[in-house]
N, C-alpha and C. Protein backbone atom coordinates (compact mmCIF):
# COMPACT_ATOMS: atom_id res chain seq x y z
N MET A 1 -78.39 52.48 -109.75
CA MET A 1 -77.71 53.39 -109.69
C MET A 1 -76.27 53.26 -109.11
N PRO A 2 -75.36 54.52 -110.06
CA PRO A 2 -73.89 53.38 -109.73
C PRO A 2 -73.85 54.25 -108.44
N SER A 3 -72.61 53.41 -107.94
CA SER A 3 -72.03 54.14 -106.69
C SER A 3 -71.24 55.14 -107.26
N LEU A 4 -71.51 55.77 -105.62
CA LEU A 4 -70.27 57.04 -105.39
C LEU A 4 -68.94 57.23 -105.58
N LYS A 5 -68.27 57.71 -106.09
CA LYS A 5 -66.72 57.61 -105.57
C LYS A 5 -66.20 57.97 -104.50
N THR A 6 -65.71 57.14 -103.64
CA THR A 6 -65.19 57.80 -102.76
C THR A 6 -63.63 58.39 -102.47
N TYR A 7 -63.77 59.77 -102.35
CA TYR A 7 -62.76 60.50 -102.22
C TYR A 7 -61.96 60.78 -101.23
N ASP A 8 -61.01 59.99 -100.78
CA ASP A 8 -59.61 59.87 -100.06
C ASP A 8 -59.02 61.67 -100.20
N ILE A 9 -59.35 62.09 -98.26
CA ILE A 9 -58.47 63.42 -98.01
C ILE A 9 -58.16 63.90 -97.10
N PHE A 10 -57.15 64.31 -97.37
CA PHE A 10 -56.26 64.70 -96.05
C PHE A 10 -56.72 65.98 -95.66
N ILE A 11 -57.05 66.75 -93.97
CA ILE A 11 -57.24 67.88 -94.41
C ILE A 11 -56.24 67.90 -93.33
N SER A 12 -56.02 69.25 -93.79
CA SER A 12 -54.34 69.87 -92.81
C SER A 12 -55.40 70.65 -91.66
N HIS A 13 -54.18 70.87 -90.93
CA HIS A 13 -54.50 72.09 -90.03
C HIS A 13 -53.98 72.30 -88.77
N SER A 14 -54.14 73.19 -87.87
CA SER A 14 -53.04 73.57 -86.74
C SER A 14 -54.80 72.86 -85.77
N TRP A 15 -53.74 72.30 -84.60
CA TRP A 15 -54.62 71.65 -83.71
C TRP A 15 -55.26 73.26 -82.81
N ALA A 16 -54.40 74.28 -83.05
CA ALA A 16 -54.78 75.54 -82.15
C ALA A 16 -56.00 76.04 -82.82
N TYR A 17 -56.64 75.54 -84.08
CA TYR A 17 -57.80 76.11 -84.26
C TYR A 17 -58.51 75.13 -85.07
N GLY A 18 -58.67 73.85 -83.92
CA GLY A 18 -58.71 72.25 -84.79
C GLY A 18 -60.51 72.78 -84.30
N ASP A 19 -61.38 73.74 -84.06
CA ASP A 19 -62.78 73.90 -83.91
C ASP A 19 -62.90 73.99 -85.71
N ALA A 20 -62.00 74.49 -86.32
CA ALA A 20 -62.71 74.44 -88.04
C ALA A 20 -62.84 73.16 -88.44
N TYR A 21 -61.47 72.67 -88.10
CA TYR A 21 -61.07 71.16 -88.80
C TYR A 21 -62.48 70.34 -88.57
N GLU A 22 -62.98 70.80 -86.83
CA GLU A 22 -64.34 69.34 -86.52
C GLU A 22 -65.48 70.37 -87.70
N LYS A 23 -65.77 71.15 -87.99
CA LYS A 23 -66.34 72.02 -87.91
C LYS A 23 -66.60 71.66 -90.03
N LEU A 24 -65.68 71.47 -90.35
CA LEU A 24 -65.71 71.24 -91.71
C LEU A 24 -65.67 69.41 -92.04
N SER A 25 -65.29 68.65 -91.17
CA SER A 25 -65.76 67.31 -91.50
C SER A 25 -67.27 66.89 -91.10
N LYS A 26 -67.61 68.27 -90.34
CA LYS A 26 -69.08 67.69 -90.26
C LYS A 26 -70.11 67.96 -91.30
N MET A 27 -69.19 69.30 -92.03
CA MET A 27 -70.10 69.49 -93.31
C MET A 27 -69.85 68.23 -94.15
N LEU A 28 -68.72 67.54 -94.54
CA LEU A 28 -68.48 66.78 -95.50
C LEU A 28 -69.11 65.69 -95.42
N ASP A 29 -69.51 65.13 -93.93
CA ASP A 29 -70.14 64.12 -93.69
C ASP A 29 -71.47 64.49 -93.81
N ALA A 30 -72.07 65.38 -93.31
CA ALA A 30 -73.70 66.05 -93.81
C ALA A 30 -74.27 65.79 -95.53
N ALA A 31 -72.97 66.20 -96.43
CA ALA A 31 -72.92 66.23 -97.82
C ALA A 31 -73.81 65.36 -98.45
N SER A 32 -74.51 65.89 -98.81
CA SER A 32 -75.68 64.92 -100.08
C SER A 32 -74.50 64.21 -100.86
N ASN A 33 -75.14 62.82 -101.41
CA ASN A 33 -74.04 62.30 -102.40
C ASN A 33 -72.69 62.83 -102.50
N PHE A 34 -72.39 62.34 -100.96
CA PHE A 34 -70.77 62.55 -101.18
C PHE A 34 -70.18 61.70 -100.19
N SER A 35 -69.63 60.91 -100.96
CA SER A 35 -68.50 59.96 -100.00
C SER A 35 -67.06 60.04 -100.02
N TYR A 36 -66.25 60.23 -98.74
CA TYR A 36 -64.81 60.17 -98.72
C TYR A 36 -64.61 59.70 -97.56
N ARG A 37 -63.24 59.41 -97.10
CA ARG A 37 -62.20 58.56 -96.42
C ARG A 37 -61.32 59.56 -95.91
N ASN A 38 -60.96 59.75 -94.40
CA ASN A 38 -60.38 61.22 -93.82
C ASN A 38 -59.04 60.25 -93.22
N TYR A 39 -58.22 60.93 -94.06
CA TYR A 39 -56.58 60.39 -93.89
C TYR A 39 -55.72 61.25 -93.13
N SER A 40 -56.65 62.34 -92.48
CA SER A 40 -56.19 63.40 -91.72
C SER A 40 -55.47 62.36 -90.48
N VAL A 41 -54.62 63.51 -89.18
CA VAL A 41 -53.93 63.13 -88.68
C VAL A 41 -54.85 63.82 -87.51
N PRO A 42 -55.92 62.69 -86.44
CA PRO A 42 -56.62 63.25 -85.71
C PRO A 42 -55.41 63.74 -84.15
N LYS A 43 -56.31 64.53 -83.46
CA LYS A 43 -55.32 64.87 -82.57
C LYS A 43 -54.79 63.98 -81.52
N ASP A 44 -55.56 62.89 -81.24
CA ASP A 44 -55.79 61.74 -80.37
C ASP A 44 -54.05 60.86 -80.78
N ASP A 45 -53.55 60.83 -82.50
CA ASP A 45 -52.85 60.46 -82.93
C ASP A 45 -51.32 60.08 -82.47
N PRO A 46 -50.72 58.67 -82.19
CA PRO A 46 -49.58 58.65 -81.50
C PRO A 46 -48.58 59.75 -82.62
N VAL A 47 -48.92 59.75 -83.68
CA VAL A 47 -47.66 60.65 -84.78
C VAL A 47 -47.56 61.86 -83.99
N HIS A 48 -48.34 62.26 -83.59
CA HIS A 48 -48.04 63.47 -82.64
C HIS A 48 -46.94 63.36 -81.60
N ASP A 49 -46.75 62.38 -81.14
CA ASP A 49 -45.72 61.97 -80.06
C ASP A 49 -44.35 62.00 -81.09
N ALA A 50 -43.89 62.13 -81.91
CA ALA A 50 -42.79 61.65 -82.70
C ALA A 50 -42.18 61.90 -82.43
N ASP A 51 -40.58 61.40 -82.24
CA ASP A 51 -39.31 61.98 -81.57
C ASP A 51 -38.54 62.93 -82.08
N SER A 52 -39.16 63.08 -83.57
CA SER A 52 -38.43 64.37 -84.03
C SER A 52 -39.06 64.94 -84.90
N ASP A 53 -38.49 66.06 -85.89
CA ASP A 53 -39.65 66.72 -86.92
C ASP A 53 -39.49 65.96 -88.02
N THR A 54 -38.09 65.03 -88.47
CA THR A 54 -37.99 63.86 -89.56
C THR A 54 -38.92 62.91 -89.40
N GLU A 55 -39.18 62.78 -88.24
CA GLU A 55 -40.26 61.59 -88.15
C GLU A 55 -41.33 61.95 -88.36
N LEU A 56 -42.00 63.07 -87.91
CA LEU A 56 -42.63 63.35 -88.34
C LEU A 56 -43.31 63.87 -89.18
N TYR A 57 -42.46 64.55 -90.26
CA TYR A 57 -42.26 64.54 -91.85
C TYR A 57 -42.95 63.13 -91.79
N LYS A 58 -42.17 62.20 -92.06
CA LYS A 58 -42.36 61.05 -92.68
C LYS A 58 -43.57 60.51 -92.35
N ALA A 59 -44.39 60.59 -91.17
CA ALA A 59 -45.32 60.00 -90.80
C ALA A 59 -46.73 60.93 -91.61
N ILE A 60 -45.97 62.40 -91.53
CA ILE A 60 -47.68 63.08 -92.63
C ILE A 60 -47.62 62.81 -94.04
N LYS A 61 -46.39 62.64 -94.69
CA LYS A 61 -46.42 62.19 -95.94
C LYS A 61 -46.89 60.42 -95.64
N LYS A 62 -46.73 59.70 -95.03
CA LYS A 62 -47.64 58.61 -95.42
C LYS A 62 -49.22 58.65 -95.22
N GLN A 63 -49.79 59.67 -94.70
CA GLN A 63 -50.97 59.92 -94.33
C GLN A 63 -51.46 60.59 -95.43
N ILE A 64 -51.01 61.50 -95.81
CA ILE A 64 -51.08 62.31 -97.44
C ILE A 64 -51.27 61.27 -98.34
N SER A 65 -49.94 59.65 -98.49
CA SER A 65 -50.02 59.39 -99.70
C SER A 65 -51.12 58.92 -100.58
N PRO A 66 -51.98 58.16 -99.73
CA PRO A 66 -52.86 57.48 -100.30
C PRO A 66 -54.45 58.42 -100.30
N SER A 67 -54.21 59.80 -100.22
CA SER A 67 -55.43 61.15 -100.46
C SER A 67 -55.31 61.42 -101.80
N ASN A 68 -56.37 61.49 -102.32
CA ASN A 68 -56.52 62.17 -103.84
C ASN A 68 -56.78 63.87 -103.48
N ILE A 69 -56.55 64.46 -102.55
CA ILE A 69 -56.70 65.89 -102.67
C ILE A 69 -56.33 66.11 -101.32
N VAL A 70 -55.85 67.40 -101.07
CA VAL A 70 -54.66 67.72 -99.66
C VAL A 70 -56.08 69.33 -99.63
N ILE A 71 -56.64 69.30 -98.23
CA ILE A 71 -57.45 70.39 -98.10
C ILE A 71 -56.58 71.19 -96.68
N ILE A 72 -56.67 72.87 -97.24
CA ILE A 72 -55.70 73.48 -96.12
C ILE A 72 -56.92 74.63 -95.82
N MET A 73 -57.03 74.69 -94.59
CA MET A 73 -58.29 75.76 -93.87
C MET A 73 -56.66 77.03 -94.49
N ALA A 74 -57.27 78.23 -94.66
CA ALA A 74 -56.97 79.28 -95.41
C ALA A 74 -56.63 80.69 -94.92
N GLY A 75 -56.91 80.25 -93.11
CA GLY A 75 -57.32 80.99 -91.70
C GLY A 75 -55.47 81.77 -92.21
N LYS A 76 -55.67 83.08 -91.68
CA LYS A 76 -54.10 83.76 -91.43
C LYS A 76 -53.35 82.90 -90.95
N TYR A 77 -53.69 82.42 -89.86
CA TYR A 77 -52.53 81.55 -88.64
C TYR A 77 -52.33 80.79 -89.75
N ALA A 78 -52.34 79.89 -91.02
CA ALA A 78 -51.69 79.36 -91.69
C ALA A 78 -50.60 79.65 -92.23
N THR A 79 -50.61 80.94 -92.27
CA THR A 79 -48.67 81.81 -92.62
C THR A 79 -47.86 81.70 -91.60
N TYR A 80 -48.38 81.72 -90.40
CA TYR A 80 -47.21 81.07 -89.53
C TYR A 80 -46.73 79.64 -89.30
N SER A 81 -47.77 78.92 -89.49
CA SER A 81 -47.52 77.47 -89.69
C SER A 81 -46.21 76.99 -90.22
N LYS A 82 -45.40 76.24 -89.58
CA LYS A 82 -44.54 75.77 -90.34
C LYS A 82 -44.84 74.28 -90.83
N TRP A 83 -46.05 73.26 -89.89
CA TRP A 83 -45.91 72.35 -90.77
C TRP A 83 -46.97 72.59 -91.78
N ILE A 84 -48.19 73.61 -91.77
CA ILE A 84 -48.67 73.58 -93.32
C ILE A 84 -47.74 73.86 -94.32
N GLU A 85 -46.64 74.94 -94.27
CA GLU A 85 -45.73 74.85 -94.86
C GLU A 85 -45.44 73.17 -96.00
N LYS A 86 -44.78 72.62 -94.90
CA LYS A 86 -44.44 71.18 -95.44
C LYS A 86 -45.56 70.36 -95.78
N GLU A 87 -46.45 70.47 -95.50
CA GLU A 87 -47.52 69.83 -95.77
C GLU A 87 -47.96 69.95 -97.52
N ILE A 88 -47.86 71.15 -97.90
CA ILE A 88 -47.60 72.10 -98.84
C ILE A 88 -46.32 71.36 -99.68
N LYS A 89 -45.56 70.99 -99.11
CA LYS A 89 -44.32 70.70 -99.92
C LYS A 89 -44.72 69.06 -100.19
N ILE A 90 -45.03 68.57 -99.08
CA ILE A 90 -45.03 67.14 -98.99
C ILE A 90 -46.07 67.05 -100.37
N ALA A 91 -47.58 67.95 -100.38
CA ALA A 91 -48.15 67.18 -101.44
C ALA A 91 -47.89 67.63 -102.68
N LYS A 92 -46.91 68.72 -103.05
CA LYS A 92 -46.58 68.99 -104.19
C LYS A 92 -45.02 68.57 -104.79
N ALA A 93 -44.38 68.18 -104.10
CA ALA A 93 -43.17 67.52 -104.87
C ALA A 93 -42.44 66.48 -104.16
N GLU A 94 -43.43 65.52 -103.34
CA GLU A 94 -43.31 64.12 -102.44
C GLU A 94 -43.62 63.11 -103.57
N PHE A 95 -44.53 63.70 -104.77
CA PHE A 95 -45.25 62.24 -105.03
C PHE A 95 -44.78 62.68 -106.83
N GLN A 96 -44.69 61.30 -107.00
CA GLN A 96 -44.87 61.31 -108.91
C GLN A 96 -45.72 62.28 -109.27
N ASN A 97 -47.12 61.85 -109.07
CA ASN A 97 -48.27 62.53 -109.18
C ASN A 97 -48.72 63.75 -107.97
N PRO A 98 -48.10 65.07 -108.66
CA PRO A 98 -48.38 65.72 -106.61
C PRO A 98 -50.00 65.68 -107.02
N LYS A 99 -50.09 66.05 -105.28
CA LYS A 99 -51.68 66.33 -105.15
C LYS A 99 -52.32 67.55 -105.02
N PRO A 100 -53.63 67.72 -105.54
CA PRO A 100 -53.89 69.00 -105.42
C PRO A 100 -54.26 69.88 -104.42
N ILE A 101 -54.36 70.92 -104.29
CA ILE A 101 -54.21 71.38 -103.03
C ILE A 101 -55.47 72.35 -103.13
N LEU A 102 -56.46 72.09 -102.05
CA LEU A 102 -57.61 73.11 -102.05
C LEU A 102 -57.49 73.82 -100.41
N ALA A 103 -57.82 75.23 -101.09
CA ALA A 103 -57.71 75.88 -100.22
C ALA A 103 -59.29 76.43 -99.49
N VAL A 104 -59.38 76.22 -98.30
CA VAL A 104 -60.84 76.72 -97.93
C VAL A 104 -60.61 77.98 -97.07
N ALA A 105 -61.63 79.20 -97.59
CA ALA A 105 -61.61 80.19 -96.83
C ALA A 105 -62.27 80.42 -95.58
N PRO A 106 -62.04 80.16 -94.11
CA PRO A 106 -62.79 80.57 -92.97
C PRO A 106 -63.70 81.29 -93.48
N TRP A 107 -64.50 80.95 -92.42
CA TRP A 107 -66.47 81.71 -92.91
C TRP A 107 -65.71 83.07 -92.23
N GLY A 108 -66.57 83.84 -92.41
CA GLY A 108 -67.07 85.22 -92.67
C GLY A 108 -65.34 86.11 -92.90
N ASN A 109 -64.43 85.43 -93.04
CA ASN A 109 -62.72 85.83 -92.72
C ASN A 109 -62.95 86.30 -94.18
N GLN A 110 -62.33 87.40 -94.40
CA GLN A 110 -61.95 88.36 -95.29
C GLN A 110 -60.13 87.77 -95.67
N GLN A 111 -59.59 87.79 -95.29
CA GLN A 111 -58.02 87.79 -94.86
C GLN A 111 -57.83 86.10 -95.22
N VAL A 112 -57.24 85.58 -96.24
CA VAL A 112 -56.38 84.27 -96.54
C VAL A 112 -55.11 84.26 -96.79
N SER A 113 -54.69 83.47 -95.97
CA SER A 113 -52.97 83.26 -95.98
C SER A 113 -52.84 83.11 -97.61
N SER A 114 -51.73 84.00 -97.65
CA SER A 114 -50.76 84.10 -99.04
C SER A 114 -50.02 82.73 -99.27
N VAL A 115 -49.79 82.40 -98.03
CA VAL A 115 -48.69 80.82 -98.21
C VAL A 115 -49.85 80.02 -98.51
N VAL A 116 -50.66 79.83 -98.39
CA VAL A 116 -51.97 78.91 -99.11
C VAL A 116 -52.16 79.09 -99.95
N SER A 117 -52.73 80.22 -100.63
CA SER A 117 -53.55 80.68 -101.58
C SER A 117 -52.51 80.96 -102.73
N GLU A 118 -51.34 81.20 -102.75
CA GLU A 118 -50.25 80.94 -103.50
C GLU A 118 -50.02 79.55 -103.59
N ALA A 119 -50.13 78.81 -103.25
CA ALA A 119 -50.34 76.99 -103.36
C ALA A 119 -51.20 76.38 -104.06
N ALA A 120 -52.53 76.51 -103.64
CA ALA A 120 -53.67 76.36 -104.10
C ALA A 120 -54.14 75.98 -105.90
N ASP A 121 -54.37 74.78 -105.65
CA ASP A 121 -54.77 75.04 -107.26
C ASP A 121 -56.25 75.40 -107.40
N GLU A 122 -57.42 75.68 -106.07
CA GLU A 122 -58.43 76.38 -106.23
C GLU A 122 -58.50 76.77 -104.59
N ILE A 123 -59.26 77.97 -104.48
CA ILE A 123 -59.88 78.37 -103.34
C ILE A 123 -61.15 78.00 -103.17
N ALA A 124 -62.29 77.33 -101.62
CA ALA A 124 -63.18 77.29 -102.16
C ALA A 124 -64.16 78.29 -100.94
N GLY A 125 -64.93 78.82 -100.74
CA GLY A 125 -65.41 79.75 -99.52
C GLY A 125 -66.01 78.64 -98.67
N TRP A 126 -66.70 79.24 -97.01
CA TRP A 126 -67.23 78.41 -96.40
C TRP A 126 -68.53 77.65 -96.76
N ASN A 127 -68.41 76.52 -97.44
CA ASN A 127 -69.79 76.45 -97.86
C ASN A 127 -69.62 75.05 -98.61
N THR A 128 -70.51 74.42 -98.05
CA THR A 128 -70.57 72.98 -98.10
C THR A 128 -70.32 72.62 -99.52
N ASN A 129 -71.30 73.17 -100.76
CA ASN A 129 -71.29 72.73 -101.91
C ASN A 129 -70.35 73.62 -102.92
N SER A 130 -69.38 74.52 -102.15
CA SER A 130 -68.68 74.93 -103.27
C SER A 130 -67.31 74.20 -102.74
N ILE A 131 -67.30 73.61 -101.10
CA ILE A 131 -65.71 72.45 -100.83
C ILE A 131 -66.31 71.44 -101.68
N VAL A 132 -67.18 70.23 -101.55
CA VAL A 132 -67.91 69.24 -102.39
C VAL A 132 -67.49 69.85 -104.15
N GLY A 133 -67.85 70.62 -104.60
CA GLY A 133 -67.62 71.16 -106.02
C GLY A 133 -66.24 71.03 -106.29
N ALA A 134 -65.48 71.54 -105.40
CA ALA A 134 -64.11 71.79 -105.80
C ALA A 134 -63.22 70.50 -105.68
N ILE A 135 -63.81 69.69 -104.82
CA ILE A 135 -63.30 68.26 -104.32
C ILE A 135 -63.61 67.70 -105.73
N ARG A 136 -64.91 67.36 -105.59
CA ARG A 136 -65.08 66.63 -107.49
C ARG A 136 -64.04 67.20 -108.58
N LYS A 137 -63.99 68.49 -108.62
CA LYS A 137 -63.26 68.80 -109.59
C LYS A 137 -61.68 68.30 -109.86
N LEU A 138 -61.13 68.72 -108.53
CA LEU A 138 -59.42 68.50 -108.23
C LEU A 138 -59.17 67.05 -107.90
N ALA A 139 -60.16 66.46 -107.41
CA ALA A 139 -59.60 65.05 -106.56
C ALA A 139 -60.33 63.86 -107.94
N LEU A 140 -59.20 63.98 -109.20
CA LEU A 140 -60.22 63.12 -110.36
C LEU A 140 -59.57 61.58 -110.08
């Protein structure tokens, strides 16, 4: 049997809404026939202690660099997050080959951030099969 492709993923998230990040990570961990490496910035990562926004920007860019795809939780709160906007900019403009962006609509939430949906290459519902299918499609 051929080995599975391992997807390198950066999941953007706000630590104020970390529970959605944790749930998404668990969904991906439990997905059948799916392998990934998570390049997201964990809550206890020292990158959060950067001395300036410039240092934090560079650190996030470094985390996104090896990823095949950037996944953004697309709840309404994302519209007001300056860092999600910066992560979108990094994914779309800072690399020779822009990183595709997958927006994930929050479970049971009808409203999706316009900032995220406009930047997204695809929007997936809060469903493991939808999310994994979109990752496979976008992260070639």
